[in-house]
């Protein structure tokens, strides 16, 4: 099951794809679910799809 905040079909497919890939690599189902959830949430954060999220920019100043 995808993370709670995932509502789009695209992110659900992404979660299932990562989960299948990780189990094919020999990881346990529980670990594969954890990795898939973390990766999906990471992508959602980066794309600004999470509640209250904002896109991160580099914190270092260019000189």
C-alpha atoms as a PDB file:
ATOM      1  CA  UNK A   1       0.000   0.000   0.000  1.00  0.00           C
ATOM      2  CA  UNK A   2       1.429   3.399  -0.960  1.00  0.00           C
ATOM      3  CA  UNK A   3       2.052   6.074   1.680  1.00  0.00           C
ATOM      4  CA  UNK A   4      -1.066   7.786   3.053  1.00  0.00           C
ATOM      5  CA  UNK A   5      -0.738  11.052   1.143  1.00  0.00           C
ATOM      6  CA  UNK A   6      -0.406   9.425  -2.280  1.00  0.00           C
ATOM      7  CA  UNK A   7      -3.547  10.098  -4.280  1.00  0.00           C
ATOM      8  CA  UNK A   8      -2.388  10.242  -7.882  1.00  0.00           C
ATOM      9  CA  UNK A   9      -2.302   7.144 -10.041  1.00  0.00           C
ATOM     10  CA  UNK A  10       1.194   8.079 -11.194  1.00  0.00           C
ATOM     11  CA  UNK A  11       2.645   7.923  -7.672  1.00  0.00           C
ATOM     12  CA  UNK A  12       0.800   4.666  -6.933  1.00  0.00           C
ATOM     13  CA  UNK A  13       2.338   3.146 -10.068  1.00  0.00           C
ATOM     14  CA  UNK A  14       5.740   4.492  -9.052  1.00  0.00           C
ATOM     15  CA  UNK A  15       5.383   2.900  -5.600  1.00  0.00           C
ATOM     16  CA  UNK A  16       4.395  -0.490  -7.044  1.00  0.00           C
ATOM     17  CA  UNK A  17       7.190  -0.391  -9.621  1.00  0.00           C
ATOM     18  CA  UNK A  18       9.867   0.360  -7.018  1.00  0.00           C
ATOM     19  CA  UNK A  19       8.461  -2.303  -4.692  1.00  0.00           C
ATOM     20  CA  UNK A  20       8.566  -4.942  -7.460  1.00  0.00           C
ATOM     21  CA  UNK A  21      12.088  -3.899  -8.437  1.00  0.00           C
ATOM     22  CA  UNK A  22      13.370  -4.177  -4.882  1.00  0.00           C
ATOM     23  CA  UNK A  23      11.803  -7.604  -4.311  1.00  0.00           C
ATOM     24  CA  UNK A  24      13.312  -8.755  -7.615  1.00  0.00           C
ATOM     25  CA  UNK A  25      16.702  -7.671  -6.269  1.00  0.00           C
ATOM     26  CA  UNK A  26      16.209 -10.026  -3.330  1.00  0.00           C
ATOM     27  CA  UNK A  27      14.972  -7.658  -0.631  1.00  0.00           C
ATOM     28  CA  UNK A  28      12.234  -8.781   1.743  1.00  0.00           C
ATOM     29  CA  UNK A  29       8.704  -7.532   1.105  1.00  0.00           C
ATOM     30  CA  UNK A  30       8.779  -5.367   4.238  1.00  0.00           C
ATOM     31  CA  UNK A  31      12.062  -3.690   3.283  1.00  0.00           C
ATOM     32  CA  UNK A  32      10.897  -3.242  -0.320  1.00  0.00           C
ATOM     33  CA  UNK A  33       7.746  -1.470   0.903  1.00  0.00           C
ATOM     34  CA  UNK A  34       9.799   0.828   3.123  1.00  0.00           C
ATOM     35  CA  UNK A  35      12.176   1.746   0.296  1.00  0.00           C
ATOM     36  CA  UNK A  36       9.316   2.292  -2.162  1.00  0.00           C
ATOM     37  CA  UNK A  37       7.441   4.501   0.300  1.00  0.00           C
ATOM     38  CA  UNK A  38      10.502   6.585   1.111  1.00  0.00           C
ATOM     39  CA  UNK A  39      11.384   7.043  -2.547  1.00  0.00           C
ATOM     40  CA  UNK A  40       7.820   7.976  -3.485  1.00  0.00           C
ATOM     41  CA  UNK A  41       7.616  10.504  -0.645  1.00  0.00           C
ATOM     42  CA  UNK A  42      10.988  11.960  -1.628  1.00  0.00           C
ATOM     43  CA  UNK A  43       9.780  12.475  -5.195  1.00  0.00           C
ATOM     44  CA  UNK A  44       6.521  14.029  -4.003  1.00  0.00           C
ATOM     45  CA  UNK A  45       8.436  16.469  -1.790  1.00  0.00           C
ATOM     46  CA  UNK A  46      10.786  17.435  -4.615  1.00  0.00           C
ATOM     47  CA  UNK A  47       7.890  18.018  -7.017  1.00  0.00           C
ATOM     48  CA  UNK A  48       5.936  20.086  -4.480  1.00  0.00           C
ATOM     49  CA  UNK A  49       3.051  17.610  -4.206  1.00  0.00           C
ATOM     50  CA  UNK A  50       2.992  17.350  -0.420  1.00  0.00           C
ATOM     51  CA  UNK A  51       0.896  19.492   1.878  1.00  0.00           C
ATOM     52  CA  UNK A  52       2.854  22.553   2.894  1.00  0.00           C
ATOM     53  CA  UNK A  53       5.839  21.571   0.804  1.00  0.00           C
ATOM     54  CA  UNK A  54       8.039  23.924  -1.059  1.00  0.00           C
ATOM     55  CA  UNK A  55      10.739  23.290  -3.563  1.00  0.00           C
ATOM     56  CA  UNK A  56      14.176  23.344  -2.042  1.00  0.00           C
ATOM     57  CA  UNK A  57      16.894  25.420  -3.525  1.00  0.00           C
ATOM     58  CA  UNK A  58      20.561  25.414  -2.827  1.00  0.00           C
ATOM     59  CA  UNK A  59      21.275  27.073   0.496  1.00  0.00           C
ATOM     60  CA  UNK A  60      24.777  28.084  -0.518  1.00  0.00           C
ATOM     61  CA  UNK A  61      25.336  31.438  -2.098  1.00  0.00           C
ATOM     62  CA  UNK A  62      27.143  31.628  -5.381  1.00  0.00           C
ATOM     63  CA  UNK A  63      30.226  33.799  -5.333  1.00  0.00           C
END
